[in-house]
Amino acid sequence: MIAAHRAGIPVFVTGGIGGVHQDGENSLDISADLTELGRTPIAVVSAGVKSILDIGRTLEFLETQGVCVATYGSSKEFPAFFSPQSGFNSPHQVCNPEEAAELIASTLSLGLQSGVVFAVPIPAEQAAAGQEIEEAIQAAVEEASDKGITGRAVTPFILQKVNELTKGKSLQANIALIHNNAKVGSQIACALSKRQNEKSRSTTKRKENLDKRSNIVVIGGINVDFIAKGKTDVLLSGQTNPGSVCQSFGGVGRNIADALSRLGQNPLFISATGADSHSEAVFSYCKHMNTSGVVKLKERSTATYCAVITASGELSLGLGDMDIHQEITEQYVSQFENQLSCSTLVCLDGNLPDTTINYVCSLAEKHNINVWYEPTDSDKANKPFLSEAWKSLSFASPNLAELCTMNKTLGFPVPQALPDSLDEVLDVAMALSRPLLQHIHCLVVTLGAYGVLICGENKAGSINLHPRKWKIKRQVGALYYPALNVTAKETVNVSGAGDSLTGALIAGMLQDRDIDSCVRMGLLAARLSLASAHPIAPSLTIDAIDPKKHPNWTRPTFIKMN
């Protein structure tokens, strides 16, 4: 077993495995096979356990060691080497090599260190001789007991005595068992090899397809989120509030890549996690995404975020361990320069280090790439605006507070307090957007419960979402879209609504839809997110946010800005 495992051989064949000896509960005489099976991830094919051993306790010991045991064939009964019956059942049963291969693959894929035992009954043509041998074994066991033979001397005595009593039939049956086990084991090994080859080809093909189709790159944070939702709209400090807690997977970059992936796109997602249990959970959940750009870093912690929200879904308190995001460095991202320089769109979130954002913006300037900046929060919104990098952005999707931060960083005046009424909100949003539109093609200003304001190039009373390849002086305007009605009862959390809107809007743009369709897709995706425990609703599909299936829309309001 050890040698086969070291050589990378997943299926090992032997005659019979050892076990717990008779009176083993007192003598503790237990074959080393059993402990090795508990720490070596390999499949062992055998004829079971000789009846001179305690088969019941052997099966119990294997269970204790975490070893998966299955009978091979039409019966679930665990064989007793020379006999197909032992009086004990295996926990599992497989009927053919393909089922055995599937059990091996699924068991080993868990990453456990324990093995798998397949017990193969003696062939029918040897079963009659097997009965005679079993009777001889029982006689030999009794004689050994009468003569006071104990310890390591018992097994050699019994085997020699059985050979004498059966006149060599036990040796012939033993050879037949080895042949049968080898036949079954080789069939299982072939089935497993075929399964692995097909999976490898499928993975290679899928990777080739991913490489071909990954014309979008998303770079940003990936988090494990813990959402604690109170049962009241007012949460009291200093005491335990009634509520519920659930785990989900977030991070602004991850959310946008998730939404795009569910909407028929195939973005390359670049990020960093720790090499810990949270990371394994993230990768398992994100199987539908292209995470080949996510690096696992040893001795680092995957980002975690804990949000405490009220019954209506409003954020009361957020705590985050986000240090890992600083490891999404310019040096790491530069490994993907070919994909970046050939992409249709690169989306950045505000969790990235300033130097990484500046690097991507410099590539955008050099290769005429469209870059979308999602500021994440008002503290991080200023990162591209600390240098000339912001002038290379094509899109940004700030809320009003983040838009204030962007303007303040550039030295433009901002209001001392954010307005409350819709008219004032729209006036302030447009005033803050004007100076940024000198270089940024389009701003998607999210207004929470009020909806969204799209500011950009005035195109015949609408907004042009698609950037020109050259800079020209242009007329600018804004389109205001009210939010869709979502009741407080329907709202589960608000953490992913903005990211869902962004992802769906980008997906609509990449499908070359008109602006109304794009924004409506975004608003429908945001509504799904609000009603879901996950930042990006698992029910999000192109069909679920098809604007044609939701005809009763409030028409957007167009406003000239210059």
Protein backbone atom coordinates (compact mmCIF):
# COMPACT_ATOMS: atom_id res chain seq x y z
CA MET A 1 0.00 0.00 0.00
CA ILE A 2 2.73 2.46 0.94
CA ALA A 3 4.81 1.70 -2.14
CA ALA A 4 1.80 1.87 -4.50
CA HIS A 5 0.69 5.19 -3.02
CA ARG A 6 4.21 6.66 -3.27
CA ALA A 7 4.30 5.58 -6.94
CA GLY A 8 0.92 7.20 -7.63
CA ILE A 9 -0.91 3.89 -8.18
CA PRO A 10 -4.50 4.28 -6.89
CA VAL A 11 -5.63 0.60 -6.96
CA PHE A 12 -3.82 -2.17 -5.08
CA VAL A 13 -4.72 -5.91 -5.19
CA THR A 14 -3.97 -8.51 -2.53
CA GLY A 15 -5.38 -11.87 -1.39
CA GLY A 16 -7.02 -10.93 1.89
CA ILE A 17 -6.55 -8.13 4.34
CA GLY A 18 -5.58 -8.64 7.97
CA GLY A 19 -7.91 -7.84 10.81
CA VAL A 20 -8.69 -7.98 14.50
CA HIS A 21 -7.66 -11.41 15.83
CA GLN A 22 -9.92 -13.57 17.95
CA ASP A 23 -9.85 -12.26 21.52
CA GLY A 24 -8.31 -9.10 20.05
CA GLU A 25 -10.31 -6.98 22.51
CA ASN A 26 -8.03 -8.41 25.21
CA SER A 27 -4.78 -9.10 23.36
CA LEU A 28 -5.01 -5.98 21.14
CA ASP A 29 -3.67 -8.19 18.32
CA ILE A 30 -4.72 -6.08 15.33
CA SER A 31 -3.08 -6.31 11.91
CA ALA A 32 -1.17 -3.24 10.76
CA ASP A 33 -3.21 -3.37 7.52
CA LEU A 34 -6.12 -1.70 9.27
CA THR A 35 -4.23 1.30 10.63
CA GLU A 36 -2.44 1.71 7.28
CA LEU A 37 -5.81 1.75 5.51
CA GLY A 38 -6.78 4.59 7.83
CA ARG A 39 -3.83 6.75 6.76
CA THR A 40 -3.14 5.83 3.13
CA PRO A 41 -5.54 7.09 0.42
CA ILE A 42 -5.58 4.04 -1.85
CA ALA A 43 -8.16 1.45 -2.98
CA VAL A 44 -7.43 -2.12 -1.86
CA VAL A 45 -9.10 -5.04 -3.64
CA SER A 46 -9.16 -8.30 -1.64
CA ALA A 47 -11.29 -11.37 -0.86
CA GLY A 48 -12.13 -9.94 2.55
CA VAL A 49 -10.95 -11.33 5.90
CA LYS A 50 -10.14 -14.94 6.78
CA SER A 51 -12.65 -16.50 9.12
CA ILE A 52 -9.88 -17.21 11.67
CA LEU A 53 -10.12 -13.48 12.44
CA ASP A 54 -12.90 -11.54 14.18
CA ILE A 55 -14.71 -10.17 11.13
CA GLY A 56 -17.27 -8.09 13.06
CA ARG A 57 -14.64 -6.30 15.09
CA THR A 58 -12.50 -5.87 11.97
CA LEU A 59 -15.34 -4.00 10.23
CA GLU A 60 -15.87 -1.88 13.35
CA PHE A 61 -12.16 -1.04 13.50
CA LEU A 62 -12.14 -0.04 9.82
CA GLU A 63 -15.10 2.26 10.48
CA THR A 64 -13.21 3.82 13.38
CA GLN A 65 -10.26 4.45 11.03
CA GLY A 66 -12.59 6.21 8.56
CA VAL A 67 -12.09 3.54 5.87
CA CYS A 68 -14.81 3.17 3.23
CA VAL A 69 -15.73 -0.55 2.86
CA ALA A 70 -17.79 -1.95 -0.04
CA THR A 71 -18.63 -5.46 -1.26
CA TYR A 72 -18.09 -5.97 -4.98
CA GLY A 73 -20.90 -7.88 -6.68
CA SER A 74 -24.60 -8.60 -6.36
CA SER A 75 -24.69 -8.98 -2.57
CA LYS A 76 -23.89 -6.57 0.25
CA GLU A 77 -22.56 -9.37 2.49
CA PHE A 78 -18.91 -9.03 3.42
CA PRO A 79 -17.01 -12.17 2.28
CA ALA A 80 -14.90 -14.36 4.57
CA PHE A 81 -12.09 -15.09 2.12
CA PHE A 82 -12.83 -18.75 1.29
CA SER A 83 -16.57 -18.20 1.74
CA PRO A 84 -18.86 -15.58 0.20
CA GLN A 85 -20.78 -15.37 3.50
CA SER A 86 -19.52 -14.07 6.81
CA GLY A 87 -22.76 -13.08 8.50
CA PHE A 88 -21.79 -9.38 8.30
CA ASN A 89 -22.77 -6.72 5.74
CA SER A 90 -20.50 -4.06 4.23
CA PRO A 91 -21.64 -0.44 4.61
CA HIS A 92 -21.62 -0.10 0.80
CA GLN A 93 -21.97 -2.19 -2.35
CA VAL A 94 -20.78 -1.71 -5.94
CA CYS A 95 -21.95 -3.90 -8.82
CA ASN A 96 -19.39 -3.22 -11.55
CA PRO A 97 -16.00 -1.59 -12.27
CA GLU A 98 -17.61 1.73 -13.22
CA GLU A 99 -19.41 2.05 -9.87
CA ALA A 100 -16.22 1.09 -8.04
CA ALA A 101 -14.25 3.72 -9.99
CA GLU A 102 -16.85 6.36 -9.16
CA LEU A 103 -16.66 5.47 -5.46
CA ILE A 104 -12.84 5.69 -5.50
CA ALA A 105 -12.87 9.03 -7.35
CA SER A 106 -15.49 10.59 -5.08
CA THR A 107 -13.81 9.32 -1.91
CA LEU A 108 -10.29 10.43 -2.88
CA SER A 109 -11.61 13.81 -4.09
CA LEU A 110 -12.53 14.67 -0.48
CA GLY A 111 -8.82 15.00 0.29
CA LEU A 112 -9.00 12.57 3.22
CA GLN A 113 -6.07 10.32 4.09
CA SER A 114 -8.02 7.09 4.52
CA GLY A 115 -8.41 4.37 1.89
CA VAL A 116 -11.17 2.26 0.32
CA VAL A 117 -11.61 -1.52 0.71
CA PHE A 118 -13.37 -3.60 -1.96
CA ALA A 119 -14.24 -7.11 -0.75
CA VAL A 120 -14.64 -9.55 -3.67
CA PRO A 121 -16.48 -12.84 -2.95
CA ILE A 122 -14.84 -16.14 -3.94
CA PRO A 123 -15.87 -17.19 -7.48
CA ALA A 124 -18.80 -19.64 -7.69
CA GLU A 125 -16.63 -22.46 -9.05
CA GLN A 126 -14.46 -22.37 -5.89
CA ALA A 127 -17.34 -21.84 -3.46
CA ALA A 128 -17.84 -25.60 -2.79
CA ALA A 129 -14.17 -26.09 -1.98
CA GLY A 130 -14.41 -22.94 0.09
CA GLN A 131 -16.98 -24.55 2.37
CA GLU A 132 -14.69 -27.53 2.96
CA ILE A 133 -11.81 -25.17 3.72
CA GLU A 134 -13.90 -23.19 6.20
CA GLU A 135 -14.74 -26.42 8.06
CA ALA A 136 -11.02 -27.28 8.15
CA ILE A 137 -10.25 -23.80 9.49
CA GLN A 138 -12.69 -24.22 12.35
CA ALA A 139 -11.17 -27.61 13.20
CA ALA A 140 -7.67 -26.11 13.13
CA VAL A 141 -8.76 -23.21 15.35
CA GLU A 142 -10.14 -25.64 17.94
CA GLU A 143 -6.95 -27.75 17.84
CA ALA A 144 -4.81 -24.66 18.33
CA SER A 145 -6.90 -23.73 21.33
CA ASP A 146 -6.67 -27.26 22.79
CA LYS A 147 -2.89 -27.25 22.41
CA GLY A 148 -2.57 -23.81 24.02
CA ILE A 149 -1.05 -22.20 20.94
CA THR A 150 -1.28 -18.37 21.25
CA GLY A 151 0.07 -15.12 19.80
CA ARG A 152 1.98 -15.02 16.57
CA ALA A 153 2.25 -18.82 16.44
CA VAL A 154 -1.52 -19.23 15.85
CA THR A 155 -1.77 -18.20 12.19
CA PRO A 156 1.14 -20.32 10.84
CA PHE A 157 -0.17 -23.34 12.76
CA ILE A 158 -3.72 -22.93 11.40
CA LEU A 159 -2.62 -22.39 7.78
CA GLN A 160 -0.36 -25.48 7.83
CA LYS A 161 -3.09 -27.57 9.48
CA VAL A 162 -5.72 -26.41 6.96
CA ASN A 163 -3.44 -27.33 4.07
CA GLU A 164 -3.03 -30.82 5.54
CA LEU A 165 -6.78 -31.30 6.20
CA THR A 166 -7.82 -30.15 2.71
CA LYS A 167 -4.97 -31.99 0.97
CA GLY A 168 -3.75 -28.84 -0.75
CA LYS A 169 -7.19 -27.52 -1.81
CA SER A 170 -6.71 -24.39 0.32
CA LEU A 171 -3.59 -23.46 -1.65
CA GLN A 172 -5.42 -23.96 -4.97
CA ALA A 173 -8.35 -21.85 -3.74
CA ASN A 174 -5.92 -19.19 -2.54
CA ILE A 175 -4.33 -18.99 -6.00
CA ALA A 176 -7.79 -18.81 -7.62
CA LEU A 177 -8.73 -15.94 -5.31
CA ILE A 178 -5.58 -14.04 -6.22
CA HIS A 179 -6.37 -14.48 -9.93
CA ASN A 180 -9.96 -13.30 -9.42
CA ASN A 181 -8.94 -10.32 -7.31
CA ALA A 182 -6.33 -9.33 -9.90
CA LYS A 183 -8.95 -9.53 -12.66
CA VAL A 184 -11.47 -7.41 -10.73
CA GLY A 185 -8.79 -4.97 -9.57
CA SER A 186 -7.48 -4.43 -13.11
CA GLN A 187 -11.02 -3.83 -14.40
CA ILE A 188 -11.58 -1.24 -11.66
CA ALA A 189 -8.20 0.38 -12.41
CA CYS A 190 -9.07 0.60 -16.12
CA ALA A 191 -12.48 2.14 -15.34
CA LEU A 192 -10.85 4.65 -12.98
CA SER A 193 -8.18 5.54 -15.56
CA LYS A 194 -10.83 6.03 -18.24
CA ARG A 195 -12.84 8.24 -15.89
CA GLN A 196 -9.80 10.34 -15.01
CA ASN A 197 -8.78 10.70 -18.66
CA GLU A 198 -12.28 11.82 -19.65
CA LYS A 199 -12.29 14.33 -16.79
CA SER A 200 -8.84 15.56 -17.82
CA ARG A 201 -9.94 15.99 -21.44
CA SER A 202 -13.08 17.75 -20.28
CA THR A 203 -11.06 20.06 -18.03
CA THR A 204 -8.59 20.81 -20.83
CA LYS A 205 -11.39 21.51 -23.27
CA ARG A 206 -13.17 23.73 -20.76
CA LYS A 207 -9.92 25.61 -20.08
CA GLU A 208 -9.43 26.11 -23.82
CA ASN A 209 -12.96 27.44 -24.07
CA LEU A 210 -12.38 29.70 -21.08
CA ASP A 211 -9.21 31.07 -22.65
CA LYS A 212 -11.07 31.76 -25.89
CA ARG A 213 -14.06 33.39 -24.30
CA SER A 214 -12.46 35.31 -21.41
CA ASN A 215 -12.58 38.74 -23.04
CA ILE A 216 -13.60 40.32 -19.73
CA VAL A 217 -11.29 40.57 -16.73
CA VAL A 218 -12.48 41.35 -13.22
CA ILE A 219 -9.86 42.20 -10.59
CA GLY A 220 -10.91 42.63 -7.00
CA GLY A 221 -11.78 41.21 -3.61
CA ILE A 222 -13.22 37.87 -2.63
CA ASN A 223 -14.72 37.43 0.85
CA VAL A 224 -16.48 34.94 3.02
CA ASP A 225 -19.47 36.88 4.37
CA PHE A 226 -21.37 36.31 7.59
CA ILE A 227 -24.69 38.12 7.52
CA ALA A 228 -26.37 38.64 10.90
CA LYS A 229 -29.95 39.90 10.45
CA GLY A 230 -31.92 41.23 13.38
CA LYS A 231 -35.63 40.75 13.78
CA THR A 232 -36.18 44.45 14.50
CA ASP A 233 -35.35 47.71 12.71
CA VAL A 234 -33.55 49.02 15.81
CA LEU A 235 -30.64 46.93 17.14
CA LEU A 236 -29.60 47.64 20.71
CA SER A 237 -25.92 47.77 21.64
CA GLY A 238 -24.56 46.03 24.69
CA GLN A 239 -27.01 43.15 24.57
CA THR A 240 -28.01 40.14 22.46
CA ASN A 241 -30.57 40.98 19.78
CA PRO A 242 -32.81 38.26 18.34
CA GLY A 243 -31.97 37.38 14.75
CA SER A 244 -30.38 34.89 12.38
CA VAL A 245 -26.89 34.38 10.97
CA CYS A 246 -26.01 32.91 7.58
CA GLN A 247 -22.81 32.43 5.60
CA SER A 248 -22.43 33.53 2.00
CA PHE A 249 -19.64 34.48 -0.38
CA GLY A 250 -18.99 38.06 -1.40
CA GLY A 251 -16.36 40.60 -2.25
CA VAL A 252 -17.17 43.30 -4.81
CA GLY A 253 -14.95 41.84 -7.54
CA ARG A 254 -16.21 38.31 -6.87
CA ASN A 255 -19.82 39.50 -6.90
CA ILE A 256 -19.48 41.22 -10.27
CA ALA A 257 -17.65 38.22 -11.77
CA ASP A 258 -20.33 35.93 -10.33
CA ALA A 259 -23.16 37.98 -11.86
CA LEU A 260 -21.42 38.07 -15.26
CA SER A 261 -20.81 34.31 -15.12
CA ARG A 262 -24.48 33.61 -14.42
CA LEU A 263 -25.49 35.88 -17.31
CA GLY A 264 -23.66 34.05 -20.08
CA GLN A 265 -20.31 35.84 -19.87
CA ASN A 266 -17.02 34.24 -18.87
CA PRO A 267 -14.87 36.76 -17.04
CA LEU A 268 -11.37 35.91 -15.87
CA PHE A 269 -11.43 36.70 -12.15
CA ILE A 270 -8.13 37.80 -10.58
CA SER A 271 -7.92 37.87 -6.78
CA ALA A 272 -6.20 36.35 -3.74
CA THR A 273 -7.25 34.10 -0.86
CA GLY A 274 -5.52 32.37 2.01
CA ALA A 275 -4.78 28.63 1.93
CA ASP A 276 -7.38 27.87 4.58
CA SER A 277 -10.81 26.27 5.06
CA HIS A 278 -12.57 29.49 4.01
CA SER A 279 -10.67 29.38 0.73
CA GLU A 280 -11.78 25.80 0.05
CA ALA A 281 -15.40 26.80 0.69
CA VAL A 282 -15.07 29.77 -1.68
CA PHE A 283 -13.64 27.69 -4.53
CA SER A 284 -16.31 25.05 -4.05
CA TYR A 285 -19.08 27.67 -4.25
CA CYS A 286 -17.50 29.45 -7.24
CA LYS A 287 -17.16 26.40 -9.50
CA HIS A 288 -19.29 28.11 -12.15
CA MET A 289 -16.72 30.90 -12.44
CA ASN A 290 -13.29 31.12 -14.08
CA THR A 291 -11.16 31.45 -10.92
CA SER A 292 -7.87 30.50 -12.60
CA GLY A 293 -6.58 33.96 -11.73
CA VAL A 294 -7.14 33.56 -7.98
CA VAL A 295 -3.95 32.84 -6.04
CA LYS A 296 -3.89 30.90 -2.74
CA LEU A 297 -1.33 32.30 -0.32
CA LYS A 298 0.05 30.17 2.51
CA GLU A 299 -0.01 31.54 6.03
CA ARG A 300 -2.54 34.20 5.01
CA SER A 301 -6.22 34.44 5.88
CA THR A 302 -9.00 34.57 3.31
CA ALA A 303 -10.88 37.87 3.61
CA THR A 304 -13.91 37.68 5.88
CA TYR A 305 -16.69 40.18 6.34
CA CYS A 306 -19.39 40.27 9.00
CA ALA A 307 -22.44 42.47 8.42
CA VAL A 308 -25.09 43.19 11.02
CA ILE A 309 -28.29 44.31 9.35
CA THR A 310 -31.71 45.32 10.55
CA ALA A 311 -35.00 43.54 9.83
CA SER A 312 -35.52 45.82 6.81
CA GLY A 313 -32.11 44.84 5.41
CA GLU A 314 -30.24 48.08 6.19
CA LEU A 315 -26.61 47.78 7.28
CA SER A 316 -26.16 48.53 10.99
CA LEU A 317 -22.52 47.50 11.41
CA GLY A 318 -19.85 45.92 9.25
CA LEU A 319 -16.54 44.34 10.28
CA GLY A 320 -13.96 43.09 7.81
CA ASP A 321 -10.58 41.35 7.76
CA MET A 322 -9.46 42.45 4.30
CA ASP A 323 -5.65 42.47 4.56
CA ILE A 324 -5.33 39.77 1.87
CA HIS A 325 -6.58 42.23 -0.76
CA GLN A 326 -3.25 44.06 -0.52
CA GLU A 327 -1.64 40.93 -1.99
CA ILE A 328 -3.39 41.54 -5.34
CA THR A 329 -0.27 43.41 -6.32
CA GLU A 330 0.89 44.99 -9.55
CA GLN A 331 3.52 42.22 -9.80
CA TYR A 332 0.89 39.48 -9.53
CA VAL A 333 -1.61 41.10 -11.89
CA SER A 334 1.11 41.75 -14.48
CA GLN A 335 1.27 37.98 -15.05
CA PHE A 336 -2.05 38.41 -16.89
CA GLU A 337 -0.91 41.30 -19.07
CA ASN A 338 -1.73 39.46 -22.31
CA GLN A 339 -5.32 38.82 -21.21
CA LEU A 340 -5.65 42.40 -19.97
CA SER A 341 -4.30 44.01 -23.12
CA CYS A 342 -6.67 41.97 -25.33
CA SER A 343 -9.79 42.30 -23.18
CA THR A 344 -13.01 44.07 -24.12
CA LEU A 345 -13.46 45.37 -20.60
CA VAL A 346 -11.51 45.31 -17.32
CA CYS A 347 -13.44 45.83 -14.09
CA LEU A 348 -11.59 46.98 -10.96
CA ASP A 349 -12.88 47.27 -7.42
CA GLY A 350 -11.70 49.69 -4.76
CA ASN A 351 -10.21 46.94 -2.57
CA LEU A 352 -7.12 46.85 -4.81
CA PRO A 353 -3.87 48.62 -3.88
CA ASP A 354 -3.36 52.01 -5.52
CA THR A 355 -0.36 50.70 -7.46
CA THR A 356 -2.39 47.87 -9.00
CA ILE A 357 -5.12 50.29 -10.11
CA ASN A 358 -2.49 52.63 -11.59
CA TYR A 359 -0.85 49.72 -13.44
CA VAL A 360 -4.13 48.60 -15.05
CA CYS A 361 -4.99 52.19 -15.97
CA SER A 362 -1.59 52.59 -17.65
CA LEU A 363 -2.30 49.46 -19.69
CA ALA A 364 -5.71 50.88 -20.58
CA GLU A 365 -4.08 54.04 -21.89
CA LYS A 366 -1.53 52.06 -23.88
CA HIS A 367 -3.90 49.50 -25.41
CA ASN A 368 -7.12 51.54 -25.50
CA ILE A 369 -8.87 49.22 -23.02
CA ASN A 370 -12.17 50.12 -21.41
CA VAL A 371 -11.88 50.10 -17.60
CA TRP A 372 -14.84 50.05 -15.19
CA TYR A 373 -14.12 51.23 -11.64
CA GLU A 374 -16.41 50.11 -8.80
CA PRO A 375 -15.30 52.22 -5.81
CA THR A 376 -16.49 49.76 -3.09
CA ASP A 377 -16.97 52.43 -0.39
CA SER A 378 -16.40 56.14 0.19
CA ASP A 379 -13.02 55.56 1.89
CA LYS A 380 -11.62 53.74 -1.16
CA ALA A 381 -13.39 55.71 -3.89
CA ASN A 382 -10.48 58.13 -4.31
CA LYS A 383 -7.77 55.60 -5.27
CA PRO A 384 -7.60 56.26 -9.05
CA PHE A 385 -8.06 60.01 -8.39
CA LEU A 386 -4.87 60.33 -6.36
CA SER A 387 -3.00 60.41 -9.67
CA GLU A 388 -3.78 60.86 -13.37
CA ALA A 389 -4.98 57.23 -13.51
CA TRP A 390 -8.66 58.24 -13.34
CA LYS A 391 -8.42 59.84 -16.77
CA SER A 392 -8.01 56.33 -18.24
CA LEU A 393 -11.30 55.10 -16.76
CA SER A 394 -14.21 54.58 -19.14
CA PHE A 395 -16.84 53.82 -16.50
CA ALA A 396 -17.37 54.22 -12.77
CA SER A 397 -20.32 53.20 -10.62
CA PRO A 398 -20.25 55.29 -7.42
CA ASN A 399 -23.03 56.11 -5.01
CA LEU A 400 -23.50 59.73 -4.00
CA ALA A 401 -21.07 59.59 -1.06
CA GLU A 402 -18.38 57.95 -3.22
CA LEU A 403 -18.97 60.56 -5.93
CA CYS A 404 -18.33 63.27 -3.32
CA THR A 405 -15.03 61.61 -2.36
CA MET A 406 -13.91 61.51 -6.01
CA ASN A 407 -14.63 65.23 -6.48
CA LYS A 408 -13.08 66.22 -3.16
CA THR A 409 -9.87 64.35 -4.05
CA LEU A 410 -9.64 66.30 -7.30
CA GLY A 411 -10.21 69.62 -5.48
CA PHE A 412 -13.75 70.21 -6.75
CA PRO A 413 -16.40 71.62 -4.37
CA VAL A 414 -18.75 69.15 -2.68
CA PRO A 415 -21.86 69.69 -0.50
CA GLN A 416 -21.38 69.67 3.26
CA ALA A 417 -24.28 67.25 3.68
CA LEU A 418 -25.99 64.85 1.29
CA PRO A 419 -29.51 65.91 0.25
CA ASP A 420 -32.71 64.04 1.13
CA SER A 421 -35.28 64.82 -1.55
CA LEU A 422 -35.16 63.20 -4.99
CA ASP A 423 -34.88 66.49 -6.90
CA GLU A 424 -31.96 67.65 -4.76
CA VAL A 425 -30.29 64.25 -5.03
CA LEU A 426 -30.48 64.37 -8.84
CA ASP A 427 -29.19 67.96 -8.97
CA VAL A 428 -26.21 67.14 -6.72
CA ALA A 429 -25.43 63.91 -8.59
CA MET A 430 -25.33 65.72 -11.95
CA ALA A 431 -23.27 68.60 -10.57
CA LEU A 432 -20.70 66.17 -9.17
CA SER A 433 -20.66 64.10 -12.36
CA ARG A 434 -19.95 67.00 -14.77
CA PRO A 435 -16.23 67.49 -14.01
CA LEU A 436 -15.56 63.74 -14.11
CA LEU A 437 -17.23 63.37 -17.50
CA GLN A 438 -14.42 65.42 -19.04
CA HIS A 439 -12.47 62.14 -19.13
CA ILE A 440 -14.73 59.30 -17.91
CA HIS A 441 -17.12 58.17 -20.61
CA CYS A 442 -20.06 57.21 -18.39
CA LEU A 443 -20.98 57.35 -14.70
CA VAL A 444 -23.55 54.98 -13.22
CA VAL A 445 -24.60 56.77 -10.03
CA THR A 446 -26.49 54.43 -7.71
CA LEU A 447 -29.06 56.23 -5.56
CA GLY A 448 -30.24 53.45 -3.25
CA ALA A 449 -34.01 53.42 -2.88
CA TYR A 450 -34.32 56.24 -5.43
CA GLY A 451 -32.87 54.18 -8.29
CA VAL A 452 -29.98 54.96 -10.64
CA LEU A 453 -28.75 57.94 -12.66
CA ILE A 454 -26.77 57.29 -15.86
CA CYS A 455 -24.59 60.27 -16.79
CA GLY A 456 -22.70 60.39 -20.09
CA GLU A 457 -22.71 61.36 -23.73
CA ASN A 458 -26.03 62.80 -24.92
CA LYS A 459 -27.13 60.70 -27.88
CA ALA A 460 -30.43 61.96 -29.34
CA GLY A 461 -32.09 62.30 -25.96
CA SER A 462 -30.50 59.17 -24.53
CA ILE A 463 -27.08 58.14 -23.21
CA ASN A 464 -24.41 56.38 -25.26
CA LEU A 465 -23.05 53.49 -23.19
CA HIS A 466 -20.41 52.46 -25.72
CA PRO A 467 -17.20 54.51 -25.57
CA ARG A 468 -15.64 55.97 -28.68
CA LYS A 469 -12.09 54.97 -29.51
CA TRP A 470 -11.09 58.61 -29.67
CA LYS A 471 -11.66 61.56 -27.37
CA ILE A 472 -13.96 64.27 -28.65
CA LYS A 473 -15.80 67.21 -27.13
CA ARG A 474 -19.34 66.06 -26.53
CA GLN A 475 -22.71 67.03 -25.17
CA VAL A 476 -23.56 65.27 -21.90
CA GLY A 477 -26.83 64.37 -20.26
CA ALA A 478 -28.39 62.05 -17.71
CA LEU A 479 -31.09 59.38 -17.62
CA TYR A 480 -32.86 58.77 -14.34
CA TYR A 481 -34.38 55.33 -13.69
CA PRO A 482 -36.52 54.87 -10.55
CA ALA A 483 -35.83 51.80 -8.44
CA LEU A 484 -38.15 48.82 -8.66
CA ASN A 485 -40.55 48.38 -5.76
CA VAL A 486 -39.24 45.98 -3.10
CA THR A 487 -41.03 45.83 0.23
CA ALA A 488 -39.21 45.65 3.55
CA LYS A 489 -40.66 42.18 4.01
CA GLU A 490 -39.12 41.03 0.71
CA THR A 491 -35.69 42.51 1.51
CA VAL A 492 -33.28 39.95 2.94
CA ASN A 493 -30.10 42.05 2.63
CA VAL A 494 -28.72 44.95 0.61
CA SER A 495 -25.06 43.90 0.45
CA GLY A 496 -25.00 42.76 -3.19
CA ALA A 497 -27.66 44.88 -4.89
CA GLY A 498 -25.21 47.41 -6.35
CA ASP A 499 -22.83 44.68 -7.57
CA SER A 500 -25.74 42.78 -9.14
CA LEU A 501 -26.83 45.96 -10.94
CA THR A 502 -23.28 46.55 -12.20
CA GLY A 503 -22.76 42.96 -13.36
CA ALA A 504 -26.09 42.78 -15.20
CA LEU A 505 -25.62 46.22 -16.78
CA ILE A 506 -22.18 45.20 -18.05
CA ALA A 507 -23.59 41.91 -19.36
CA GLY A 508 -26.24 43.86 -21.31
CA MET A 509 -23.58 46.17 -22.74
CA LEU A 510 -21.45 43.21 -23.87
CA GLN A 511 -24.51 41.76 -25.58
CA ASP A 512 -24.84 45.11 -27.43
CA ARG A 513 -28.26 45.87 -25.95
CA ASP A 514 -29.70 49.39 -25.83
CA ILE A 515 -29.34 51.43 -22.68
CA ASP A 516 -32.93 50.86 -21.50
CA SER A 517 -32.47 47.09 -21.67
CA CYS A 518 -29.10 47.24 -19.93
CA VAL A 519 -30.33 49.35 -17.02
CA ARG A 520 -33.52 47.37 -16.63
CA MET A 521 -31.51 44.14 -16.53
CA GLY A 522 -29.41 45.74 -13.80
CA LEU A 523 -32.43 46.84 -11.76
CA LEU A 524 -34.05 43.40 -12.04
CA ALA A 525 -30.79 41.75 -10.94
CA ALA A 526 -30.60 44.14 -7.99
CA ARG A 527 -34.16 43.22 -6.98
CA LEU A 528 -33.27 39.51 -7.06
CA SER A 529 -30.25 40.24 -4.87
CA LEU A 530 -32.31 42.15 -2.30
CA ALA A 531 -34.58 39.13 -1.89
CA SER A 532 -31.71 36.64 -1.61
CA ALA A 533 -29.48 35.57 1.28
CA HIS A 534 -26.57 35.68 -1.18
CA PRO A 535 -25.09 38.92 -2.60
CA ILE A 536 -25.64 37.50 -6.09
CA ALA A 537 -28.87 35.55 -6.23
CA PRO A 538 -28.34 31.92 -7.35
CA SER A 539 -31.55 32.35 -9.38
CA LEU A 540 -29.92 35.07 -11.52
CA THR A 541 -30.11 34.13 -15.22
CA ILE A 542 -30.58 35.99 -18.49
CA ASP A 543 -34.13 34.66 -18.62
CA ALA A 544 -34.91 35.85 -15.07
CA ILE A 545 -33.99 39.47 -15.92
CA ASP A 546 -35.28 39.59 -19.49
CA PRO A 547 -36.77 43.11 -19.82
CA LYS A 548 -39.38 41.84 -22.30
CA LYS A 549 -40.93 39.69 -19.57
CA HIS A 550 -41.39 42.78 -17.39
CA PRO A 551 -43.23 45.22 -19.66
CA ASN A 552 -44.70 47.59 -17.05
CA TRP A 553 -41.83 50.02 -16.65
CA THR A 554 -41.74 53.64 -15.58
CA ARG A 555 -40.08 55.47 -18.45
CA PRO A 556 -36.72 57.05 -17.60
CA THR A 557 -36.37 60.82 -17.35
CA PHE A 558 -33.77 62.46 -19.61
CA ILE A 559 -32.00 65.57 -18.29
CA LYS A 560 -29.56 67.76 -20.26
CA MET A 561 -26.41 68.57 -18.34
CA ASN A 562 -24.79 71.28 -20.54
